[in-house]
Amino acid sequence: MIYKVVRMQENVIGGYGESNFSRSIAQRTTAADDDNANNNNEEDEEAPSSWREKFSWCKRCKRSSTSSNSRAVMDRATAYSVAYFLAWSFFIIGSCLTLVGVEWPTTLWYLATIFNPLQGFFNFCIFMYPKVNKAKSRGGDETTWLEAFGKAFWSRGRNPNTGTR
């Protein structure tokens, strides 16, 4: 459901993105080129080779059209779902066995007792993974995963260089 909402928002926002902006730029540039050809004013000055150079101030133009948050949302939702089913599947199987009238096998009882409380840990790992990954990439090759985890955990979500999240 969350994935569907994110995809819908991306489709709506996509109307304001690079492709529409580049289309309007191309139309304006073509019109300007026609005017210049009619005026026959040739200048020795080099013209920018692309619309990105002409309009480098536009932040929307700098963003890649292939970057998409929907895939990241889907991957994260899948990870949370797997964590949920991993934590609760043994308990659900045991409950179904109880409803049928069969006693829980000891192994199933131990698995349910171990994995059910670990759901919080699984959720914490899924929540922290993007932050740890970013801290690891900022630290370079010499940063270990444990150091990156420490930086991500104690950063409280703030970037120490800019003071933003």
N, C-alpha and C. Protein backbone atom coordinates (compact mmCIF):
# COMPACT_ATOMS: atom_id res chain seq x y z
N MET A 1 0.82 -1.19 0.00
CA MET A 1 0.00 0.00 0.00
C MET A 1 0.87 1.25 0.00
N ILE A 2 1.92 1.26 0.81
CA ILE A 2 2.81 2.40 0.85
C ILE A 2 3.51 2.55 -0.49
N TYR A 3 3.92 1.44 -1.08
CA TYR A 3 4.58 1.47 -2.38
C TYR A 3 3.66 2.09 -3.42
N LYS A 4 2.38 1.74 -3.38
CA LYS A 4 1.42 2.27 -4.35
C LYS A 4 1.29 3.78 -4.19
N VAL A 5 1.23 4.27 -2.98
CA VAL A 5 1.11 5.71 -2.73
C VAL A 5 2.36 6.44 -3.22
N VAL A 6 3.54 5.89 -2.96
CA VAL A 6 4.77 6.52 -3.41
C VAL A 6 4.83 6.55 -4.93
N ARG A 7 4.43 5.47 -5.60
CA ARG A 7 4.42 5.45 -7.07
C ARG A 7 3.46 6.50 -7.62
N MET A 8 2.28 6.64 -7.00
CA MET A 8 1.32 7.65 -7.46
C MET A 8 1.91 9.05 -7.31
N GLN A 9 2.58 9.32 -6.18
CA GLN A 9 3.19 10.63 -5.98
C GLN A 9 4.30 10.88 -6.98
N GLU A 10 5.10 9.87 -7.28
CA GLU A 10 6.16 10.04 -8.28
C GLU A 10 5.59 10.32 -9.65
N ASN A 11 4.47 9.68 -9.99
CA ASN A 11 3.85 9.94 -11.29
C ASN A 11 3.32 11.37 -11.37
N VAL A 12 2.73 11.86 -10.28
CA VAL A 12 2.23 13.23 -10.26
C VAL A 12 3.39 14.22 -10.35
N ILE A 13 4.41 13.99 -9.56
CA ILE A 13 5.56 14.89 -9.54
C ILE A 13 6.34 14.79 -10.85
N GLY A 14 6.28 13.65 -11.50
CA GLY A 14 6.99 13.47 -12.76
C GLY A 14 6.58 14.47 -13.82
N GLY A 15 5.37 15.00 -13.73
CA GLY A 15 4.92 16.02 -14.66
C GLY A 15 5.69 17.32 -14.55
N TYR A 16 6.38 17.51 -13.44
CA TYR A 16 7.15 18.72 -13.23
C TYR A 16 8.64 18.47 -13.37
N GLY A 17 9.01 17.29 -13.81
CA GLY A 17 10.41 16.89 -13.82
C GLY A 17 11.18 17.32 -15.04
N GLU A 18 12.28 16.66 -15.20
CA GLU A 18 13.27 17.00 -16.21
C GLU A 18 12.75 16.89 -17.63
N SER A 19 11.96 15.85 -17.90
CA SER A 19 11.52 15.63 -19.28
C SER A 19 10.63 16.78 -19.76
N ASN A 20 9.69 17.23 -18.94
CA ASN A 20 8.84 18.35 -19.34
C ASN A 20 9.63 19.64 -19.41
N PHE A 21 10.54 19.81 -18.48
CA PHE A 21 11.36 21.02 -18.47
C PHE A 21 12.24 21.06 -19.70
N SER A 22 12.84 19.93 -20.07
CA SER A 22 13.72 19.90 -21.23
C SER A 22 12.93 20.11 -22.52
N ARG A 23 11.68 19.62 -22.55
CA ARG A 23 10.85 19.83 -23.73
C ARG A 23 10.58 21.32 -23.92
N SER A 24 10.23 22.03 -22.84
CA SER A 24 9.95 23.46 -22.97
C SER A 24 11.22 24.24 -23.29
N ILE A 25 12.36 23.80 -22.76
CA ILE A 25 13.64 24.44 -23.09
C ILE A 25 13.95 24.25 -24.57
N ALA A 26 13.72 23.03 -25.05
CA ALA A 26 14.00 22.75 -26.46
C ALA A 26 13.12 23.62 -27.37
N GLN A 27 11.87 23.80 -26.99
CA GLN A 27 10.98 24.64 -27.79
C GLN A 27 11.45 26.09 -27.79
N ARG A 28 11.87 26.57 -26.60
CA ARG A 28 12.36 27.96 -26.52
C ARG A 28 13.66 28.12 -27.30
N THR A 29 14.54 27.13 -27.22
CA THR A 29 15.82 27.23 -27.91
C THR A 29 15.61 27.20 -29.42
N THR A 30 14.68 26.37 -29.88
CA THR A 30 14.40 26.32 -31.31
C THR A 30 13.86 27.66 -31.80
N ALA A 31 12.97 28.25 -31.01
CA ALA A 31 12.43 29.56 -31.38
C ALA A 31 13.52 30.62 -31.38
N ALA A 32 14.42 30.56 -30.41
CA ALA A 32 15.52 31.52 -30.34
C ALA A 32 16.48 31.33 -31.52
N ASP A 33 16.73 30.08 -31.89
CA ASP A 33 17.62 29.81 -33.03
C ASP A 33 17.01 30.34 -34.33
N ASP A 34 15.69 30.20 -34.47
CA ASP A 34 15.03 30.73 -35.66
C ASP A 34 15.15 32.25 -35.71
N ASP A 35 14.99 32.91 -34.55
CA ASP A 35 15.13 34.37 -34.51
C ASP A 35 16.54 34.79 -34.86
N ASN A 36 17.52 34.06 -34.34
CA ASN A 36 18.92 34.39 -34.63
C ASN A 36 19.23 34.19 -36.11
N ALA A 37 18.68 33.16 -36.70
CA ALA A 37 18.92 32.92 -38.12
C ALA A 37 18.29 34.02 -38.97
N ASN A 38 17.13 34.50 -38.53
CA ASN A 38 16.47 35.58 -39.25
C ASN A 38 17.25 36.89 -39.12
N ASN A 39 17.81 37.14 -37.96
CA ASN A 39 18.56 38.38 -37.73
C ASN A 39 19.95 38.31 -38.36
N ASN A 40 20.40 37.09 -38.61
CA ASN A 40 21.70 36.87 -39.26
C ASN A 40 22.85 37.47 -38.45
N ASN A 41 22.71 37.44 -37.13
CA ASN A 41 23.76 37.93 -36.24
C ASN A 41 24.57 36.75 -35.76
N GLU A 42 25.74 36.57 -36.29
CA GLU A 42 26.61 35.49 -35.85
C GLU A 42 27.63 36.03 -34.90
N GLU A 43 27.73 35.41 -33.74
CA GLU A 43 28.70 35.84 -32.74
C GLU A 43 29.79 34.80 -32.64
N ASP A 44 30.99 35.23 -32.31
CA ASP A 44 32.11 34.34 -32.17
C ASP A 44 32.08 33.58 -30.84
N GLU A 45 31.21 34.01 -29.94
CA GLU A 45 31.14 33.43 -28.60
C GLU A 45 30.58 32.01 -28.68
N GLU A 46 31.21 31.09 -27.94
CA GLU A 46 30.75 29.70 -27.90
C GLU A 46 29.44 29.63 -27.13
N ALA A 47 28.47 28.98 -27.70
CA ALA A 47 27.19 28.78 -27.02
C ALA A 47 27.28 27.51 -26.18
N PRO A 48 26.56 27.46 -25.05
CA PRO A 48 26.56 26.24 -24.26
C PRO A 48 26.02 25.08 -25.10
N SER A 49 26.60 23.91 -24.89
CA SER A 49 26.26 22.78 -25.75
C SER A 49 24.96 22.09 -25.36
N SER A 50 24.48 22.28 -24.17
CA SER A 50 23.25 21.61 -23.77
C SER A 50 22.41 22.54 -22.92
N TRP A 51 21.16 22.16 -22.75
CA TRP A 51 20.26 22.97 -21.94
C TRP A 51 20.65 22.92 -20.48
N ARG A 52 21.36 21.86 -20.05
CA ARG A 52 21.81 21.78 -18.66
C ARG A 52 22.81 22.88 -18.36
N GLU A 53 23.67 23.18 -19.32
CA GLU A 53 24.64 24.25 -19.11
C GLU A 53 23.97 25.61 -19.11
N LYS A 54 22.94 25.77 -19.94
CA LYS A 54 22.23 27.05 -20.00
C LYS A 54 21.46 27.32 -18.72
N PHE A 55 20.91 26.26 -18.15
CA PHE A 55 20.06 26.41 -16.98
C PHE A 55 20.60 25.61 -15.80
N SER A 56 21.84 25.83 -15.46
CA SER A 56 22.47 25.07 -14.39
C SER A 56 21.92 25.44 -13.02
N TRP A 57 21.22 26.54 -12.92
CA TRP A 57 20.64 26.96 -11.65
C TRP A 57 19.44 26.12 -11.26
N CYS A 58 18.86 25.41 -12.20
CA CYS A 58 17.65 24.64 -11.94
C CYS A 58 17.99 23.34 -11.23
N LYS A 59 17.54 23.19 -10.00
CA LYS A 59 17.84 21.99 -9.23
C LYS A 59 17.12 20.78 -9.77
N ARG A 60 15.93 20.98 -10.34
CA ARG A 60 15.20 19.84 -10.89
C ARG A 60 15.94 19.25 -12.08
N CYS A 61 16.68 20.09 -12.81
CA CYS A 61 17.38 19.60 -13.99
C CYS A 61 18.58 18.75 -13.61
N LYS A 62 19.16 19.00 -12.45
CA LYS A 62 20.35 18.27 -12.03
C LYS A 62 20.02 16.86 -11.59
N ARG A 63 18.80 16.62 -11.18
CA ARG A 63 18.41 15.32 -10.69
C ARG A 63 18.25 14.36 -11.85
N SER A 64 18.73 13.16 -11.69
CA SER A 64 18.64 12.17 -12.74
C SER A 64 17.21 11.68 -12.86
N SER A 65 16.77 11.52 -14.09
CA SER A 65 15.39 11.07 -14.29
C SER A 65 15.23 9.60 -13.91
N THR A 66 16.34 8.88 -13.83
CA THR A 66 16.23 7.46 -13.48
C THR A 66 16.20 7.23 -11.99
N SER A 67 16.52 8.25 -11.19
CA SER A 67 16.49 8.05 -9.74
C SER A 67 15.05 7.96 -9.28
N SER A 68 14.78 6.96 -8.47
CA SER A 68 13.41 6.72 -8.06
C SER A 68 13.41 6.25 -6.62
N ASN A 69 12.54 6.83 -5.83
CA ASN A 69 12.41 6.40 -4.45
C ASN A 69 11.49 5.21 -4.30
N SER A 70 10.70 4.93 -5.32
CA SER A 70 9.72 3.86 -5.19
C SER A 70 10.39 2.51 -5.00
N ARG A 71 11.52 2.29 -5.64
CA ARG A 71 12.22 1.01 -5.48
C ARG A 71 12.74 0.87 -4.05
N ALA A 72 13.28 1.95 -3.50
CA ALA A 72 13.77 1.91 -2.12
C ALA A 72 12.64 1.66 -1.14
N VAL A 73 11.48 2.27 -1.38
CA VAL A 73 10.33 2.06 -0.50
C VAL A 73 9.86 0.61 -0.60
N MET A 74 9.82 0.08 -1.82
CA MET A 74 9.39 -1.30 -1.99
C MET A 74 10.36 -2.27 -1.30
N ASP A 75 11.67 -2.05 -1.45
CA ASP A 75 12.64 -2.92 -0.81
C ASP A 75 12.52 -2.86 0.71
N ARG A 76 12.32 -1.67 1.23
CA ARG A 76 12.20 -1.52 2.68
C ARG A 76 10.92 -2.18 3.20
N ALA A 77 9.82 -1.99 2.47
CA ALA A 77 8.56 -2.62 2.87
C ALA A 77 8.67 -4.13 2.83
N THR A 78 9.37 -4.64 1.82
CA THR A 78 9.58 -6.09 1.73
C THR A 78 10.41 -6.58 2.92
N ALA A 79 11.45 -5.84 3.27
CA ALA A 79 12.29 -6.23 4.41
C ALA A 79 11.48 -6.24 5.71
N TYR A 80 10.64 -5.23 5.93
CA TYR A 80 9.80 -5.20 7.14
C TYR A 80 8.81 -6.37 7.13
N SER A 81 8.27 -6.71 5.97
CA SER A 81 7.33 -7.84 5.89
C SER A 81 8.03 -9.16 6.19
N VAL A 82 9.22 -9.34 5.65
CA VAL A 82 9.98 -10.56 5.92
C VAL A 82 10.30 -10.65 7.42
N ALA A 83 10.68 -9.53 8.03
CA ALA A 83 10.97 -9.54 9.47
C ALA A 83 9.73 -9.92 10.27
N TYR A 84 8.58 -9.40 9.87
CA TYR A 84 7.33 -9.72 10.57
C TYR A 84 7.03 -11.22 10.47
N PHE A 85 7.09 -11.75 9.25
CA PHE A 85 6.76 -13.16 9.07
C PHE A 85 7.80 -14.08 9.70
N LEU A 86 9.05 -13.66 9.70
CA LEU A 86 10.08 -14.46 10.36
C LEU A 86 9.83 -14.50 11.87
N ALA A 87 9.42 -13.39 12.43
CA ALA A 87 9.19 -13.33 13.87
C ALA A 87 7.92 -14.08 14.29
N TRP A 88 6.88 -14.04 13.47
CA TRP A 88 5.60 -14.57 13.89
C TRP A 88 5.22 -15.91 13.25
N SER A 89 5.93 -16.37 12.25
CA SER A 89 5.51 -17.58 11.55
C SER A 89 5.51 -18.81 12.46
N PHE A 90 6.50 -18.95 13.32
CA PHE A 90 6.56 -20.12 14.21
C PHE A 90 5.40 -20.10 15.21
N PHE A 91 5.08 -18.93 15.71
CA PHE A 91 3.97 -18.81 16.65
C PHE A 91 2.64 -19.10 15.96
N ILE A 92 2.48 -18.64 14.71
CA ILE A 92 1.25 -18.87 13.96
C ILE A 92 1.09 -20.37 13.66
N ILE A 93 2.18 -21.02 13.27
CA ILE A 93 2.12 -22.46 13.00
C ILE A 93 1.75 -23.22 14.28
N GLY A 94 2.36 -22.83 15.39
CA GLY A 94 2.04 -23.47 16.67
C GLY A 94 0.59 -23.26 17.07
N SER A 95 0.07 -22.05 16.84
CA SER A 95 -1.33 -21.77 17.17
C SER A 95 -2.27 -22.59 16.30
N CYS A 96 -1.93 -22.75 15.03
CA CYS A 96 -2.75 -23.59 14.14
C CYS A 96 -2.73 -25.04 14.61
N LEU A 97 -1.56 -25.51 15.06
CA LEU A 97 -1.48 -26.88 15.59
C LEU A 97 -2.34 -27.03 16.84
N THR A 98 -2.37 -26.00 17.67
CA THR A 98 -3.19 -26.04 18.88
C THR A 98 -4.67 -26.10 18.52
N LEU A 99 -5.07 -25.33 17.51
CA LEU A 99 -6.48 -25.34 17.08
C LEU A 99 -6.90 -26.70 16.54
N VAL A 100 -5.97 -27.37 15.90
CA VAL A 100 -6.26 -28.70 15.36
C VAL A 100 -6.28 -29.75 16.48
N GLY A 101 -5.63 -29.45 17.58
CA GLY A 101 -5.60 -30.37 18.71
C GLY A 101 -4.29 -31.11 18.85
N VAL A 102 -3.27 -30.67 18.15
CA VAL A 102 -1.94 -31.29 18.22
C VAL A 102 -1.07 -30.44 19.14
N GLU A 103 -0.28 -31.11 19.96
CA GLU A 103 0.61 -30.39 20.87
C GLU A 103 1.80 -29.81 20.09
N TRP A 104 2.27 -28.65 20.53
CA TRP A 104 3.41 -27.98 19.87
C TRP A 104 4.66 -28.87 20.00
N PRO A 105 5.39 -29.05 18.90
CA PRO A 105 6.69 -29.71 19.03
C PRO A 105 7.64 -28.80 19.81
N THR A 106 8.53 -29.39 20.57
CA THR A 106 9.45 -28.62 21.41
C THR A 106 10.32 -27.68 20.57
N THR A 107 10.77 -28.14 19.44
CA THR A 107 11.61 -27.31 18.57
C THR A 107 10.85 -26.08 18.10
N LEU A 108 9.59 -26.25 17.72
CA LEU A 108 8.78 -25.13 17.28
C LEU A 108 8.56 -24.13 18.40
N TRP A 109 8.38 -24.65 19.63
CA TRP A 109 8.19 -23.77 20.78
C TRP A 109 9.45 -22.93 21.02
N TYR A 110 10.63 -23.55 20.93
CA TYR A 110 11.89 -22.80 21.10
C TYR A 110 12.07 -21.75 20.00
N LEU A 111 11.77 -22.14 18.76
CA LEU A 111 11.91 -21.17 17.66
C LEU A 111 10.97 -19.98 17.84
N ALA A 112 9.73 -20.24 18.24
CA ALA A 112 8.78 -19.15 18.48
C ALA A 112 9.25 -18.26 19.63
N THR A 113 9.81 -18.88 20.68
CA THR A 113 10.28 -18.13 21.84
C THR A 113 11.51 -17.29 21.50
N ILE A 114 12.33 -17.77 20.59
CA ILE A 114 13.55 -17.03 20.22
C ILE A 114 13.23 -15.92 19.22
N PHE A 115 12.49 -16.24 18.16
CA PHE A 115 12.30 -15.29 17.06
C PHE A 115 11.26 -14.21 17.33
N ASN A 116 10.26 -14.48 18.14
CA ASN A 116 9.23 -13.48 18.39
C ASN A 116 9.79 -12.21 19.04
N PRO A 117 10.59 -12.30 20.09
CA PRO A 117 11.15 -11.06 20.64
C PRO A 117 12.17 -10.38 19.73
N LEU A 118 12.73 -11.12 18.78
CA LEU A 118 13.73 -10.54 17.88
C LEU A 118 13.13 -9.64 16.81
N GLN A 119 11.80 -9.54 16.74
CA GLN A 119 11.20 -8.68 15.73
C GLN A 119 11.65 -7.23 15.89
N GLY A 120 11.78 -6.77 17.10
CA GLY A 120 12.26 -5.41 17.33
C GLY A 120 13.68 -5.22 16.83
N PHE A 121 14.52 -6.22 17.05
CA PHE A 121 15.90 -6.14 16.55
C PHE A 121 15.93 -6.14 15.03
N PHE A 122 15.10 -6.98 14.40
CA PHE A 122 15.04 -7.00 12.93
C PHE A 122 14.59 -5.64 12.39
N ASN A 123 13.56 -5.06 13.00
CA ASN A 123 13.09 -3.74 12.57
C ASN A 123 14.16 -2.68 12.76
N PHE A 124 14.90 -2.75 13.85
CA PHE A 124 15.99 -1.80 14.10
C PHE A 124 17.07 -1.93 13.03
N CYS A 125 17.41 -3.15 12.66
CA CYS A 125 18.43 -3.36 11.61
C CYS A 125 17.97 -2.80 10.27
N ILE A 126 16.71 -3.02 9.94
CA ILE A 126 16.17 -2.51 8.68
C ILE A 126 16.14 -0.98 8.70
N PHE A 127 15.77 -0.41 9.83
CA PHE A 127 15.72 1.05 9.96
C PHE A 127 17.10 1.67 9.86
N MET A 128 18.08 1.03 10.45
CA MET A 128 19.43 1.60 10.49
C MET A 128 20.25 1.36 9.22
N TYR A 129 19.89 0.39 8.40
CA TYR A 129 20.72 0.02 7.26
C TYR A 129 21.05 1.20 6.33
N PRO A 130 20.07 2.03 5.89
CA PRO A 130 20.44 3.13 5.01
C PRO A 130 21.37 4.14 5.67
N LYS A 131 21.18 4.36 6.95
CA LYS A 131 22.04 5.31 7.67
C LYS A 131 23.46 4.78 7.82
N VAL A 132 23.57 3.50 8.12
CA VAL A 132 24.89 2.87 8.24
C VAL A 132 25.59 2.84 6.89
N ASN A 133 24.83 2.53 5.85
CA ASN A 133 25.39 2.48 4.51
C ASN A 133 25.93 3.86 4.10
N LYS A 134 25.18 4.93 4.41
CA LYS A 134 25.63 6.28 4.09
C LYS A 134 26.87 6.65 4.91
N ALA A 135 26.89 6.29 6.18
CA ALA A 135 28.07 6.58 7.02
C ALA A 135 29.28 5.82 6.52
N LYS A 136 29.08 4.60 6.07
CA LYS A 136 30.20 3.81 5.53
C LYS A 136 30.74 4.42 4.24
N SER A 137 29.85 4.89 3.38
CA SER A 137 30.32 5.49 2.12
C SER A 137 31.00 6.83 2.36
N ARG A 138 30.57 7.58 3.36
CA ARG A 138 31.23 8.85 3.68
C ARG A 138 32.60 8.63 4.29
N GLY A 139 32.75 7.56 5.05
CA GLY A 139 34.00 7.29 5.74
C GLY A 139 35.09 6.77 4.84
N GLY A 140 34.74 6.23 3.69
CA GLY A 140 35.74 5.69 2.79
C GLY A 140 36.03 4.23 3.06
N ASP A 141 37.10 3.76 2.44
CA ASP A 141 37.44 2.33 2.54
C ASP A 141 37.95 1.94 3.91
N GLU A 142 38.54 2.88 4.63
CA GLU A 142 39.13 2.53 5.93
C GLU A 142 38.10 2.39 7.05
N THR A 143 36.86 2.83 6.82
CA THR A 143 35.82 2.73 7.84
C THR A 143 35.23 1.33 7.86
N THR A 144 35.18 0.73 9.03
CA THR A 144 34.57 -0.60 9.16
C THR A 144 33.06 -0.45 9.33
N TRP A 145 32.36 -1.57 9.17
CA TRP A 145 30.91 -1.54 9.34
C TRP A 145 30.53 -1.19 10.78
N LEU A 146 31.33 -1.65 11.73
CA LEU A 146 31.05 -1.35 13.14
C LEU A 146 31.22 0.14 13.42
N GLU A 147 32.28 0.75 12.87
CA GLU A 147 32.47 2.19 13.04
C GLU A 147 31.34 2.98 12.37
N ALA A 148 30.94 2.52 11.18
CA ALA A 148 29.85 3.19 10.48
C ALA A 148 28.55 3.08 11.27
N PHE A 149 28.32 1.91 11.88
CA PHE A 149 27.13 1.76 12.71
C PHE A 149 27.16 2.71 13.90
N GLY A 150 28.34 2.82 14.53
CA GLY A 150 28.47 3.75 15.66
C GLY A 150 28.20 5.19 15.25
N LYS A 151 28.75 5.60 14.11
CA LYS A 151 28.52 6.97 13.62
C LYS A 151 27.04 7.19 13.32
N ALA A 152 26.41 6.21 12.66
CA ALA A 152 25.00 6.35 12.31
C ALA A 152 24.11 6.35 13.55
N PHE A 153 24.44 5.52 14.51
CA PHE A 153 23.62 5.42 15.71
C PHE A 153 23.70 6.69 16.56
N TRP A 154 24.89 7.24 16.73
CA TRP A 154 25.07 8.39 17.59
C TRP A 154 24.87 9.72 16.88
N SER A 155 24.63 9.69 15.56
CA SER A 155 24.46 10.95 14.83
C SER A 155 23.10 11.58 15.07
N ARG A 156 22.16 10.82 15.53
CA ARG A 156 20.80 11.29 15.78
C ARG A 156 20.16 11.83 14.50
N GLY A 157 20.60 11.33 13.37
CA GLY A 157 20.00 11.71 12.11
C GLY A 157 20.49 13.02 11.53
N ARG A 158 21.47 13.65 12.15
CA ARG A 158 21.94 14.93 11.67
C ARG A 158 23.28 14.78 10.97
N ASN A 159 23.47 15.57 9.94
CA ASN A 159 24.74 15.62 9.24
C ASN A 159 25.63 16.60 9.99
N PRO A 160 26.78 16.14 10.53
CA PRO A 160 27.61 17.03 11.35
C PRO A 160 28.21 18.18 10.54
N ASN A 161 28.36 18.01 9.23
CA ASN A 161 28.96 19.08 8.43
C ASN A 161 27.99 20.21 8.13
N THR A 162 26.74 19.89 7.89
CA THR A 162 25.77 20.93 7.51
C THR A 162 24.73 21.21 8.58
N GLY A 163 24.59 20.32 9.55
CA GLY A 163 23.58 20.51 10.58
C GLY A 163 22.19 20.11 10.13
N THR A 164 22.09 19.48 8.95
CA THR A 164 20.78 19.04 8.45
C THR A 164 20.69 17.53 8.51
N ARG A 165 19.53 17.04 8.28
CA ARG A 165 19.31 15.59 8.28
C ARG A 165 19.72 14.95 7.00
